[in-house]
Amino acid sequence: MNRFDRITAILIQLQSRRVVRAQELAERFEVSLRTIYRDIRTLEEAGVPLYGEAGVGYSIVDGYRLPPVMFTREEAMAFVTAEKLMEQLSDRVIRKHFQEAMYKVKAVLRGSEKDFVEDLSSHIYIENTADLPKNIPGNVLEVLFRAISQKKIVQISYKAHGREEETRRLIEPIGVYHEYHRWYTIAYCHLRKDYRHFRADRIYNIALTPRDRESERETFDNYLQQKEQQSHIQQQTKIVIRVDKKVKAYLQYKRPYLGFISEKELEDSVEMTFLTPYLKDGFARWFITFADHAEIVEPDELRQSVAEIIKGITEKHGALSS
């Protein structure tokens, strides 16, 4: 990136946030802090009303805005991809907000880019594999995001896994994440007096209350770090399996979630090593899905768990067929 493009990009980033640290800019553009300081001085000399505070960062005086920025074709392509993902991976309200934002983005595209975006959009399809239950509100994510940013308490009606009845709860969300085609929130639950993971598609009613958080709760980053540390403290079991090379490609998606560490190429197979605390209910059941193309090297406990599960399946299958 040449200096002119970098200075323009810095100005855009300064407009995108209230405060931007020089170190963030240096890391993004892979230049020294001294270079960033020179670029900031160039912007000030050009009349951009900036003010900085030592140890905090740089800000633009409220009210100052650039004219609409022209997007490149590559940036427009990224917007189209994001739009397709948002259609499938967000709730109705967030989807609507993003569509409104996309109208503004498309409004500043050049004519040729508008045609490009229109044509490309018709050639991208993303299948939604999440089978959402009926009667789920269309604003779950939007309310959670508001609660997190405003530090408010949320009231929900929640149906936990394996339960038929709904429970009414007050929660204090601290973060949201997406995994296995589902959205989750991590929140302090007033009913359980502890942090819990709530699946968004099991929330049957949701409302943002005017109540502030009752105390300064754990931050999202700290909570995730503590969870990671706790997972390391849990008793880990080393697992070694050998898998036929022809099925290796089908295991790539799930194995990181089961403690995959390394693999070694053999003549006709691949030897994979895992470290996990979830031997029986997690790893054993996953192994059964491709067990006819694999063997267990260690431990014996895994062999026993797999044998017990297969025995139960066989007995149930026999009972059904009789």
C-alpha atoms as a PDB file:
ATOM      1  CA  MET A   1       0.000   0.000   0.000  1.00  0.00           C
ATOM      2  CA  ASN A   2       1.423   3.392  -0.966  1.00  0.00           C
ATOM      3  CA  ARG A   3       1.441   6.329   1.441  1.00  0.00           C
ATOM      4  CA  PHE A   4      -1.562   8.106  -0.075  1.00  0.00           C
ATOM      5  CA  ASP A   5      -3.750   4.976   0.154  1.00  0.00           C
ATOM      6  CA  ARG A   6      -2.557   4.347   3.707  1.00  0.00           C
ATOM      7  CA  ILE A   7      -3.381   7.881   4.863  1.00  0.00           C
ATOM      8  CA  THR A   8      -6.833   7.622   3.263  1.00  0.00           C
ATOM      9  CA  ALA A   9      -7.414   4.268   4.985  1.00  0.00           C
ATOM     10  CA  ILE A  10      -6.299   5.752   8.311  1.00  0.00           C
ATOM     11  CA  LEU A  11      -8.825   8.564   7.925  1.00  0.00           C
ATOM     12  CA  ILE A  12     -11.584   6.062   7.176  1.00  0.00           C
ATOM     13  CA  GLN A  13     -10.665   4.013  10.261  1.00  0.00           C
ATOM     14  CA  LEU A  14     -10.637   7.147  12.412  1.00  0.00           C
ATOM     15  CA  GLN A  15     -14.194   7.842  11.257  1.00  0.00           C
ATOM     16  CA  SER A  16     -15.300   4.283  12.010  1.00  0.00           C
ATOM     17  CA  ARG A  17     -14.542   4.432  15.754  1.00  0.00           C
ATOM     18  CA  ARG A  18     -14.596   7.001  18.521  1.00  0.00           C
ATOM     19  CA  VAL A  19     -10.962   6.403  19.524  1.00  0.00           C
ATOM     20  CA  VAL A  20      -8.199   4.648  17.571  1.00  0.00           C
ATOM     21  CA  ARG A  21      -4.800   3.856  19.058  1.00  0.00           C
ATOM     22  CA  ALA A  22      -1.627   4.471  17.052  1.00  0.00           C
ATOM     23  CA  GLN A  23      -0.461   0.930  17.830  1.00  0.00           C
ATOM     24  CA  GLU A  24      -3.608  -0.512  16.179  1.00  0.00           C
ATOM     25  CA  LEU A  25      -2.896   1.498  13.028  1.00  0.00           C
ATOM     26  CA  ALA A  26       0.750   0.415  12.996  1.00  0.00           C
ATOM     27  CA  GLU A  27      -0.234  -3.262  13.299  1.00  0.00           C
ATOM     28  CA  ARG A  28      -2.921  -3.018  10.634  1.00  0.00           C
ATOM     29  CA  PHE A  29      -0.683  -1.345   8.039  1.00  0.00           C
ATOM     30  CA  GLU A  30       2.514  -3.121   9.161  1.00  0.00           C
ATOM     31  CA  VAL A  31       4.496   0.080   9.595  1.00  0.00           C
ATOM     32  CA  SER A  32       6.330   1.685  12.523  1.00  0.00           C
ATOM     33  CA  LEU A  33       4.715   3.963  15.089  1.00  0.00           C
ATOM     34  CA  ARG A  34       6.913   6.793  13.788  1.00  0.00           C
ATOM     35  CA  THR A  35       5.346   6.359  10.326  1.00  0.00           C
ATOM     36  CA  ILE A  36       1.847   6.497  11.820  1.00  0.00           C
ATOM     37  CA  TYR A  37       2.709   9.692  13.718  1.00  0.00           C
ATOM     38  CA  ARG A  38       3.910  11.276  10.437  1.00  0.00           C
ATOM     39  CA  ASP A  39       0.692  10.215   8.686  1.00  0.00           C
ATOM     40  CA  ILE A  40      -1.395  11.713  11.500  1.00  0.00           C
ATOM     41  CA  ARG A  41       0.505  15.000  11.195  1.00  0.00           C
ATOM     42  CA  THR A  42      -0.178  14.966   7.426  1.00  0.00           C
ATOM     43  CA  LEU A  43      -3.908  14.636   8.089  1.00  0.00           C
ATOM     44  CA  GLU A  44      -3.791  17.505  10.596  1.00  0.00           C
ATOM     45  CA  GLU A  45      -1.893  19.703   8.116  1.00  0.00           C
ATOM     46  CA  ALA A  46      -4.572  18.890   5.512  1.00  0.00           C
ATOM     47  CA  GLY A  47      -7.225  20.346   7.831  1.00  0.00           C
ATOM     48  CA  VAL A  48      -8.660  17.197   9.386  1.00  0.00           C
ATOM     49  CA  PRO A  49      -9.707  18.193  12.960  1.00  0.00           C
ATOM     50  CA  LEU A  50      -7.951  15.503  15.014  1.00  0.00           C
ATOM     51  CA  TYR A  51      -7.132  15.447  18.683  1.00  0.00           C
ATOM     52  CA  GLY A  52      -5.047  12.921  20.544  1.00  0.00           C
ATOM     53  CA  GLU A  53      -4.493  11.984  24.142  1.00  0.00           C
ATOM     54  CA  ALA A  54      -1.314  10.262  25.306  1.00  0.00           C
ATOM     55  CA  GLY A  55      -1.990   6.638  26.218  1.00  0.00           C
ATOM     56  CA  VAL A  56      -5.543   6.761  24.836  1.00  0.00           C
ATOM     57  CA  GLY A  57      -5.527   7.397  21.098  1.00  0.00           C
ATOM     58  CA  TYR A  58      -6.731   9.672  18.308  1.00  0.00           C
ATOM     59  CA  SER A  59     -10.244  10.949  17.613  1.00  0.00           C
ATOM     60  CA  ILE A  60     -11.933  13.112  15.005  1.00  0.00           C
ATOM     61  CA  VAL A  61     -13.947  16.096  16.196  1.00  0.00           C
ATOM     62  CA  ASP A  62     -17.658  15.213  16.197  1.00  0.00           C
ATOM     63  CA  GLY A  63     -19.462  16.296  13.046  1.00  0.00           C
ATOM     64  CA  TYR A  64     -16.528  15.977  10.663  1.00  0.00           C
ATOM     65  CA  ARG A  65     -17.219  13.537   7.853  1.00  0.00           C
ATOM     66  CA  LEU A  66     -15.703  12.712   4.473  1.00  0.00           C
ATOM     67  CA  PRO A  67     -17.903  12.624   1.380  1.00  0.00           C
ATOM     68  CA  PRO A  68     -19.081   9.078   0.483  1.00  0.00           C
ATOM     69  CA  VAL A  69     -16.114   6.772  -0.148  1.00  0.00           C
ATOM     70  CA  MET A  70     -15.881   4.880  -3.435  1.00  0.00           C
ATOM     71  CA  PHE A  71     -15.508   1.136  -2.908  1.00  0.00           C
ATOM     72  CA  THR A  72     -13.282  -1.069  -5.032  1.00  0.00           C
ATOM     73  CA  ARG A  73     -14.662  -4.068  -6.931  1.00  0.00           C
ATOM     74  CA  GLU A  74     -12.959  -6.411  -4.441  1.00  0.00           C
ATOM     75  CA  GLU A  75     -14.589  -4.606  -1.504  1.00  0.00           C
ATOM     76  CA  ALA A  76     -17.974  -4.759  -3.246  1.00  0.00           C
ATOM     77  CA  MET A  77     -17.464  -8.506  -3.727  1.00  0.00           C
ATOM     78  CA  ALA A  78     -16.852  -8.862   0.027  1.00  0.00           C
ATOM     79  CA  PHE A  79     -20.088  -6.985   0.748  1.00  0.00           C
ATOM     80  CA  VAL A  80     -22.088  -9.343  -1.476  1.00  0.00           C
ATOM     81  CA  THR A  81     -20.623 -12.373   0.291  1.00  0.00           C
ATOM     82  CA  ALA A  82     -21.427 -10.865   3.693  1.00  0.00           C
ATOM     83  CA  GLU A  83     -24.975 -10.100   2.559  1.00  0.00           C
ATOM     84  CA  LYS A  84     -25.556 -13.733   1.575  1.00  0.00           C
ATOM     85  CA  LEU A  85     -24.189 -14.947   4.900  1.00  0.00           C
ATOM     86  CA  MET A  86     -26.341 -12.486   6.837  1.00  0.00           C
ATOM     87  CA  GLU A  87     -29.441 -13.800   5.071  1.00  0.00           C
ATOM     88  CA  GLN A  88     -28.864 -17.214   6.643  1.00  0.00           C
ATOM     89  CA  LEU A  89     -26.863 -16.598   9.800  1.00  0.00           C
ATOM     90  CA  SER A  90     -28.790 -13.852  11.571  1.00  0.00           C
ATOM     91  CA  ASP A  91     -32.287 -13.192  12.875  1.00  0.00           C
ATOM     92  CA  ARG A  92     -34.962 -11.227  11.066  1.00  0.00           C
ATOM     93  CA  VAL A  93     -34.298  -7.839  12.695  1.00  0.00           C
ATOM     94  CA  ILE A  94     -30.497  -7.914  12.218  1.00  0.00           C
ATOM     95  CA  ARG A  95     -31.092  -9.062   8.626  1.00  0.00           C
ATOM     96  CA  LYS A  96     -33.341  -6.064   7.990  1.00  0.00           C
ATOM     97  CA  HIS A  97     -30.780  -3.624   9.430  1.00  0.00           C
ATOM     98  CA  PHE A  98     -28.052  -5.116   7.243  1.00  0.00           C
ATOM     99  CA  GLN A  99     -30.232  -4.829   4.125  1.00  0.00           C
ATOM    100  CA  GLU A 100     -30.760  -1.138   4.874  1.00  0.00           C
ATOM    101  CA  ALA A 101     -27.006  -0.702   5.287  1.00  0.00           C
ATOM    102  CA  MET A 102     -26.391  -2.487   1.983  1.00  0.00           C
ATOM    103  CA  TYR A 103     -28.664  -0.033   0.156  1.00  0.00           C
ATOM    104  CA  LYS A 104     -26.382   2.766   1.367  1.00  0.00           C
ATOM    105  CA  VAL A 105     -23.285   0.867   0.296  1.00  0.00           C
ATOM    106  CA  LYS A 106     -24.688   0.162  -3.171  1.00  0.00           C
ATOM    107  CA  ALA A 107     -25.727   3.800  -3.525  1.00  0.00           C
ATOM    108  CA  VAL A 108     -22.093   4.956  -3.608  1.00  0.00           C
ATOM    109  CA  LEU A 109     -20.850   2.282  -6.021  1.00  0.00           C
ATOM    110  CA  ARG A 110     -19.903   3.275  -9.548  1.00  0.00           C
ATOM    111  CA  GLY A 111     -22.218   2.109 -12.326  1.00  0.00           C
ATOM    112  CA  SER A 112     -19.986  -0.774 -13.431  1.00  0.00           C
ATOM    113  CA  GLU A 113     -19.605  -1.962  -9.818  1.00  0.00           C
ATOM    114  CA  LYS A 114     -23.392  -1.854  -9.342  1.00  0.00           C
ATOM    115  CA  ASP A 115     -23.819  -4.149 -12.350  1.00  0.00           C
ATOM    116  CA  PHE A 116     -21.056  -6.406 -11.055  1.00  0.00           C
ATOM    117  CA  VAL A 117     -22.684  -6.681  -7.589  1.00  0.00           C
ATOM    118  CA  GLU A 118     -26.120  -7.363  -9.084  1.00  0.00           C
ATOM    119  CA  ASP A 119     -24.790 -10.117 -11.331  1.00  0.00           C
ATOM    120  CA  LEU A 120     -22.588 -11.710  -8.667  1.00  0.00           C
ATOM    121  CA  SER A 121     -25.401 -11.763  -6.124  1.00  0.00           C
ATOM    122  CA  SER A 122     -27.507 -13.983  -8.390  1.00  0.00           C
ATOM    123  CA  HIS A 123     -24.678 -16.542  -8.578  1.00  0.00           C
ATOM    124  CA  ILE A 124     -24.163 -17.088  -4.822  1.00  0.00           C
ATOM    125  CA  TYR A 125     -26.307 -19.427  -2.748  1.00  0.00           C
ATOM    126  CA  ILE A 126     -25.821 -20.410   0.889  1.00  0.00           C
ATOM    127  CA  GLU A 127     -27.957 -23.181   2.308  1.00  0.00           C
ATOM    128  CA  ASN A 128     -29.300 -22.703   5.815  1.00  0.00           C
ATOM    129  CA  THR A 129     -28.887 -26.050   7.579  1.00  0.00           C
ATOM    130  CA  ALA A 130     -30.296 -24.835  10.908  1.00  0.00           C
ATOM    131  CA  ASP A 131     -33.836 -26.139  11.451  1.00  0.00           C
ATOM    132  CA  LEU A 132     -35.315 -23.422  13.635  1.00  0.00           C
ATOM    133  CA  PRO A 133     -38.353 -24.237  15.809  1.00  0.00           C
ATOM    134  CA  LYS A 134     -41.575 -22.355  15.261  1.00  0.00           C
ATOM    135  CA  ASN A 135     -42.547 -19.375  17.432  1.00  0.00           C
ATOM    136  CA  ILE A 136     -38.957 -18.196  17.889  1.00  0.00           C
ATOM    137  CA  PRO A 137     -38.828 -14.360  18.025  1.00  0.00           C
ATOM    138  CA  GLY A 138     -37.133 -12.651  15.097  1.00  0.00           C
ATOM    139  CA  ASN A 139     -35.239 -10.177  17.275  1.00  0.00           C
ATOM    140  CA  VAL A 140     -33.274 -12.409  19.675  1.00  0.00           C
ATOM    141  CA  LEU A 141     -29.826 -11.319  18.475  1.00  0.00           C
ATOM    142  CA  GLU A 142     -30.813  -7.675  18.278  1.00  0.00           C
ATOM    143  CA  VAL A 143     -32.026  -7.651  21.898  1.00  0.00           C
ATOM    144  CA  LEU A 144     -28.914  -9.496  23.083  1.00  0.00           C
ATOM    145  CA  PHE A 145     -26.646  -7.028  21.278  1.00  0.00           C
ATOM    146  CA  ARG A 146     -28.496  -4.100  22.843  1.00  0.00           C
ATOM    147  CA  ALA A 147     -28.275  -5.647  26.304  1.00  0.00           C
ATOM    148  CA  ILE A 148     -24.534  -6.200  25.947  1.00  0.00           C
ATOM    149  CA  SER A 149     -23.815  -2.675  24.718  1.00  0.00           C
ATOM    150  CA  GLN A 150     -26.141  -0.977  27.244  1.00  0.00           C
ATOM    151  CA  LYS A 151     -25.317  -3.364  30.145  1.00  0.00           C
ATOM    152  CA  LYS A 152     -28.962  -4.200  30.744  1.00  0.00           C
ATOM    153  CA  ILE A 153     -30.791  -7.232  32.123  1.00  0.00           C
ATOM    154  CA  VAL A 154     -32.822  -9.343  29.679  1.00  0.00           C
ATOM    155  CA  GLN A 155     -35.939 -11.348  30.451  1.00  0.00           C
ATOM    156  CA  ILE A 156     -36.368 -14.578  28.483  1.00  0.00           C
ATOM    157  CA  SER A 157     -38.552 -17.659  28.308  1.00  0.00           C
ATOM    158  CA  TYR A 158     -36.183 -20.542  27.741  1.00  0.00           C
ATOM    159  CA  LYS A 159     -36.630 -24.229  26.959  1.00  0.00           C
ATOM    160  CA  ALA A 160     -33.496 -26.117  28.003  1.00  0.00           C
ATOM    161  CA  HIS A 161     -32.274 -29.205  26.167  1.00  0.00           C
ATOM    162  CA  GLY A 162     -34.407 -32.246  26.971  1.00  0.00           C
ATOM    163  CA  ARG A 163     -37.055 -30.155  28.772  1.00  0.00           C
ATOM    164  CA  GLU A 164     -40.616 -29.650  27.584  1.00  0.00           C
ATOM    165  CA  GLU A 165     -41.517 -26.776  29.885  1.00  0.00           C
ATOM    166  CA  GLU A 166     -40.273 -23.226  29.459  1.00  0.00           C
ATOM    167  CA  THR A 167     -38.607 -21.395  32.335  1.00  0.00           C
ATOM    168  CA  ARG A 168     -38.714 -17.665  32.819  1.00  0.00           C
ATOM    169  CA  ARG A 169     -35.305 -16.179  33.521  1.00  0.00           C
ATOM    170  CA  LEU A 170     -33.475 -12.920  34.013  1.00  0.00           C
ATOM    171  CA  ILE A 171     -30.043 -12.962  32.400  1.00  0.00           C
ATOM    172  CA  GLU A 172     -27.134 -10.558  31.947  1.00  0.00           C
ATOM    173  CA  PRO A 173     -25.533 -11.282  28.542  1.00  0.00           C
ATOM    174  CA  ILE A 174     -21.793 -10.660  28.224  1.00  0.00           C
ATOM    175  CA  GLY A 175     -21.167 -12.121  24.753  1.00  0.00           C
ATOM    176  CA  VAL A 176     -22.564 -13.928  21.723  1.00  0.00           C
ATOM    177  CA  TYR A 177     -20.984 -16.618  19.547  1.00  0.00           C
ATOM    178  CA  HIS A 178     -21.891 -18.850  16.591  1.00  0.00           C
ATOM    179  CA  GLU A 179     -21.066 -22.557  16.486  1.00  0.00           C
ATOM    180  CA  TYR A 180     -22.386 -25.574  14.554  1.00  0.00           C
ATOM    181  CA  HIS A 181     -24.985 -23.420  12.720  1.00  0.00           C
ATOM    182  CA  ARG A 182     -26.395 -22.079  16.010  1.00  0.00           C
ATOM    183  CA  TRP A 183     -26.155 -18.785  17.895  1.00  0.00           C
ATOM    184  CA  TYR A 184     -25.426 -18.813  21.634  1.00  0.00           C
ATOM    185  CA  THR A 185     -25.148 -16.197  24.332  1.00  0.00           C
ATOM    186  CA  ILE A 186     -23.067 -16.425  27.479  1.00  0.00           C
ATOM    187  CA  ALA A 187     -24.946 -14.742  30.308  1.00  0.00           C
ATOM    188  CA  TYR A 188     -25.137 -14.563  34.083  1.00  0.00           C
ATOM    189  CA  CYS A 189     -28.387 -16.332  35.017  1.00  0.00           C
ATOM    190  CA  HIS A 190     -30.251 -14.981  38.055  1.00  0.00           C
ATOM    191  CA  LEU A 191     -32.075 -18.311  38.428  1.00  0.00           C
ATOM    192  CA  ARG A 192     -28.902 -20.440  38.528  1.00  0.00           C
ATOM    193  CA  LYS A 193     -26.707 -17.783  40.181  1.00  0.00           C
ATOM    194  CA  ASP A 194     -23.940 -18.534  37.694  1.00  0.00           C
ATOM    195  CA  TYR A 195     -22.924 -18.131  34.067  1.00  0.00           C
ATOM    196  CA  ARG A 196     -24.742 -20.266  31.511  1.00  0.00           C
ATOM    197  CA  HIS A 197     -24.704 -20.786  27.729  1.00  0.00           C
ATOM    198  CA  PHE A 198     -28.140 -20.160  26.175  1.00  0.00           C
ATOM    199  CA  ARG A 199     -28.960 -21.293  22.646  1.00  0.00           C
ATOM    200  CA  ALA A 200     -30.753 -18.535  20.750  1.00  0.00           C
ATOM    201  CA  ASP A 201     -33.219 -20.888  19.019  1.00  0.00           C
ATOM    202  CA  ARG A 202     -34.444 -22.118  22.419  1.00  0.00           C
ATOM    203  CA  ILE A 203     -35.443 -18.615  23.513  1.00  0.00           C
ATOM    204  CA  TYR A 204     -39.203 -18.395  22.985  1.00  0.00           C
ATOM    205  CA  ASN A 205     -39.661 -14.897  24.336  1.00  0.00           C
ATOM    206  CA  ILE A 206     -37.217 -12.074  24.923  1.00  0.00           C
ATOM    207  CA  ALA A 207     -37.422  -8.517  26.194  1.00  0.00           C
ATOM    208  CA  LEU A 208     -34.886  -5.889  27.144  1.00  0.00           C
ATOM    209  CA  THR A 209     -35.627  -4.615  30.648  1.00  0.00           C
ATOM    210  CA  PRO A 210     -34.775  -1.105  31.894  1.00  0.00           C
ATOM    211  CA  ARG A 211     -32.770  -2.657  34.734  1.00  0.00           C
ATOM    212  CA  ASP A 212     -29.010  -2.206  34.750  1.00  0.00           C
ATOM    213  CA  ARG A 213     -26.702  -5.099  35.543  1.00  0.00           C
ATOM    214  CA  GLU A 214     -26.739  -5.649  39.267  1.00  0.00           C
ATOM    215  CA  SER A 215     -22.947  -5.683  39.506  1.00  0.00           C
ATOM    216  CA  GLU A 216     -19.882  -5.503  37.324  1.00  0.00           C
ATOM    217  CA  ARG A 217     -19.895  -8.935  35.744  1.00  0.00           C
ATOM    218  CA  GLU A 218     -17.118 -10.885  34.093  1.00  0.00           C
ATOM    219  CA  THR A 219     -15.938  -9.584  30.736  1.00  0.00           C
ATOM    220  CA  PHE A 220     -16.440 -11.804  27.707  1.00  0.00           C
ATOM    221  CA  ASP A 221     -12.694 -12.165  27.038  1.00  0.00           C
ATOM    222  CA  ASN A 222     -11.927 -13.045  30.662  1.00  0.00           C
ATOM    223  CA  TYR A 223     -14.722 -15.604  30.745  1.00  0.00           C
ATOM    224  CA  LEU A 224     -13.444 -17.317  27.599  1.00  0.00           C
ATOM    225  CA  GLN A 225      -9.903 -17.369  28.977  1.00  0.00           C
ATOM    226  CA  GLN A 226     -11.093 -18.933  32.232  1.00  0.00           C
ATOM    227  CA  LYS A 227     -13.085 -21.561  30.337  1.00  0.00           C
ATOM    228  CA  GLU A 228     -10.014 -22.427  28.292  1.00  0.00           C
ATOM    229  CA  GLN A 229      -7.906 -22.732  31.429  1.00  0.00           C
ATOM    230  CA  GLN A 230     -10.543 -24.957  33.069  1.00  0.00           C
ATOM    231  CA  SER A 231     -10.597 -27.232  30.027  1.00  0.00           C
ATOM    232  CA  HIS A 232      -6.848 -27.723  30.396  1.00  0.00           C
ATOM    233  CA  ILE A 233      -7.270 -28.534  34.094  1.00  0.00           C
ATOM    234  CA  GLN A 234      -9.865 -31.248  33.313  1.00  0.00           C
ATOM    235  CA  GLN A 235      -8.458 -34.743  33.059  1.00  0.00           C
ATOM    236  CA  GLN A 236      -7.340 -35.215  29.470  1.00  0.00           C
ATOM    237  CA  THR A 237      -7.144 -38.613  27.783  1.00  0.00           C
ATOM    238  CA  LYS A 238      -4.680 -39.286  25.007  1.00  0.00           C
ATOM    239  CA  ILE A 239      -6.299 -41.075  22.054  1.00  0.00           C
ATOM    240  CA  VAL A 240      -4.537 -42.523  19.035  1.00  0.00           C
ATOM    241  CA  ILE A 241      -6.497 -43.915  16.072  1.00  0.00           C
ATOM    242  CA  ARG A 242      -5.611 -45.057  12.549  1.00  0.00           C
ATOM    243  CA  VAL A 243      -7.935 -44.046   9.736  1.00  0.00           C
ATOM    244  CA  ASP A 244      -8.052 -45.204   6.118  1.00  0.00           C
ATOM    245  CA  LYS A 245      -6.717 -42.451   3.868  1.00  0.00           C
ATOM    246  CA  LYS A 246      -9.862 -42.494   1.732  1.00  0.00           C
ATOM    247  CA  VAL A 247     -12.015 -41.212   4.626  1.00  0.00           C
ATOM    248  CA  LYS A 248      -9.545 -38.738   6.113  1.00  0.00           C
ATOM    249  CA  ALA A 249     -11.003 -35.792   4.198  1.00  0.00           C
ATOM    250  CA  TYR A 250     -14.441 -36.341   5.781  1.00  0.00           C
ATOM    251  CA  LEU A 251     -13.065 -35.919   9.305  1.00  0.00           C
ATOM    252  CA  GLN A 252     -11.438 -32.510   8.876  1.00  0.00           C
ATOM    253  CA  TYR A 253     -14.442 -30.473  10.041  1.00  0.00           C
ATOM    254  CA  LYS A 254     -15.189 -32.118  13.390  1.00  0.00           C
ATOM    255  CA  ARG A 255     -11.783 -33.225  14.651  1.00  0.00           C
ATOM    256  CA  PRO A 256     -10.581 -29.792  15.908  1.00  0.00           C
ATOM    257  CA  TYR A 257     -13.513 -29.798  18.347  1.00  0.00           C
ATOM    258  CA  LEU A 258     -12.467 -33.201  19.718  1.00  0.00           C
ATOM    259  CA  GLY A 259      -8.950 -32.285  20.771  1.00  0.00           C
ATOM    260  CA  PHE A 260      -6.995 -33.066  17.595  1.00  0.00           C
ATOM    261  CA  ILE A 261      -3.239 -32.591  18.097  1.00  0.00           C
ATOM    262  CA  SER A 262      -1.333 -34.173  15.214  1.00  0.00           C
ATOM    263  CA  GLU A 263      -1.320 -36.769  12.447  1.00  0.00           C
ATOM    264  CA  LYS A 264       1.248 -39.053  10.840  1.00  0.00           C
ATOM    265  CA  GLU A 265       1.079 -40.529   7.353  1.00  0.00           C
ATOM    266  CA  LEU A 266       1.455 -44.335   7.207  1.00  0.00           C
ATOM    267  CA  GLU A 267       1.399 -46.610   4.165  1.00  0.00           C
ATOM    268  CA  ASP A 268      -2.351 -47.036   3.796  1.00  0.00           C
ATOM    269  CA  SER A 269      -3.664 -45.016   6.706  1.00  0.00           C
ATOM    270  CA  VAL A 270      -3.259 -41.873   8.775  1.00  0.00           C
ATOM    271  CA  GLU A 271      -2.470 -42.049  12.476  1.00  0.00           C
ATOM    272  CA  MET A 272      -4.207 -39.264  14.403  1.00  0.00           C
ATOM    273  CA  THR A 273      -3.557 -38.208  17.975  1.00  0.00           C
ATOM    274  CA  PHE A 274      -6.128 -36.442  20.184  1.00  0.00           C
ATOM    275  CA  LEU A 275      -6.218 -35.108  23.734  1.00  0.00           C
ATOM    276  CA  THR A 276      -9.739 -34.779  25.149  1.00  0.00           C
ATOM    277  CA  PRO A 277     -11.732 -35.012  28.410  1.00  0.00           C
ATOM    278  CA  TYR A 278     -14.813 -36.196  26.476  1.00  0.00           C
ATOM    279  CA  LEU A 279     -13.877 -39.794  25.720  1.00  0.00           C
ATOM    280  CA  LYS A 280     -17.160 -41.678  26.103  1.00  0.00           C
ATOM    281  CA  ASP A 281     -20.025 -39.355  25.189  1.00  0.00           C
ATOM    282  CA  GLY A 282     -18.083 -37.225  22.732  1.00  0.00           C
ATOM    283  CA  PHE A 283     -15.212 -39.000  21.059  1.00  0.00           C
ATOM    284  CA  ALA A 284     -16.566 -42.578  21.165  1.00  0.00           C
ATOM    285  CA  ARG A 285     -19.807 -41.657  19.422  1.00  0.00           C
ATOM    286  CA  TRP A 286     -17.951 -39.635  16.791  1.00  0.00           C
ATOM    287  CA  PHE A 287     -15.579 -42.561  16.176  1.00  0.00           C
ATOM    288  CA  ILE A 288     -18.506 -44.926  15.548  1.00  0.00           C
ATOM    289  CA  THR A 289     -19.586 -42.870  12.514  1.00  0.00           C
ATOM    290  CA  PHE A 290     -16.486 -44.046  10.609  1.00  0.00           C
ATOM    291  CA  ALA A 291     -15.436 -47.075  12.716  1.00  0.00           C
ATOM    292  CA  ASP A 292     -15.585 -49.455   9.736  1.00  0.00           C
ATOM    293  CA  HIS A 293     -12.663 -47.510   8.238  1.00  0.00           C
ATOM    294  CA  ALA A 294     -10.597 -47.051  11.407  1.00  0.00           C
ATOM    295  CA  GLU A 295      -8.940 -48.799  14.331  1.00  0.00           C
ATOM    296  CA  ILE A 296      -8.168 -47.748  17.899  1.00  0.00           C
ATOM    297  CA  VAL A 297      -4.500 -47.833  18.854  1.00  0.00           C
ATOM    298  CA  GLU A 298      -5.072 -46.562  22.401  1.00  0.00           C
ATOM    299  CA  PRO A 299      -6.558 -46.453  25.025  1.00  0.00           C
ATOM    300  CA  ASP A 300      -8.445 -49.635  25.945  1.00  0.00           C
ATOM    301  CA  GLU A 301     -11.077 -47.474  27.646  1.00  0.00           C
ATOM    302  CA  LEU A 302     -12.083 -46.112  24.252  1.00  0.00           C
ATOM    303  CA  ARG A 303     -12.402 -49.626  22.825  1.00  0.00           C
ATOM    304  CA  GLN A 304     -14.683 -50.572  25.723  1.00  0.00           C
ATOM    305  CA  SER A 305     -16.829 -47.457  25.326  1.00  0.00           C
ATOM    306  CA  VAL A 306     -17.253 -48.027  21.581  1.00  0.00           C
ATOM    307  CA  ALA A 307     -18.092 -51.713  22.169  1.00  0.00           C
ATOM    308  CA  GLU A 308     -20.749 -50.802  24.773  1.00  0.00           C
ATOM    309  CA  ILE A 309     -22.400 -48.259  22.490  1.00  0.00           C
ATOM    310  CA  ILE A 310     -22.424 -50.692  19.542  1.00  0.00           C
ATOM    311  CA  LYS A 311     -23.860 -53.426  21.785  1.00  0.00           C
ATOM    312  CA  GLY A 312     -26.662 -51.103  22.855  1.00  0.00           C
ATOM    313  CA  ILE A 313     -27.389 -50.201  19.229  1.00  0.00           C
ATOM    314  CA  THR A 314     -27.435 -53.877  18.236  1.00  0.00           C
ATOM    315  CA  GLU A 315     -29.771 -54.852  21.078  1.00  0.00           C
ATOM    316  CA  LYS A 316     -32.156 -52.005  20.280  1.00  0.00           C
ATOM    317  CA  HIS A 317     -32.088 -52.790  16.582  1.00  0.00           C
ATOM    318  CA  GLY A 318     -32.843 -56.450  17.288  1.00  0.00           C
ATOM    319  CA  ALA A 319     -35.725 -55.510  19.576  1.00  0.00           C
ATOM    320  CA  LEU A 320     -37.209 -53.249  16.876  1.00  0.00           C
ATOM    321  CA  SER A 321     -36.952 -55.892  14.141  1.00  0.00           C
ATOM    322  CA  SER A 322     -38.500 -58.708  16.187  1.00  0.00           C
END
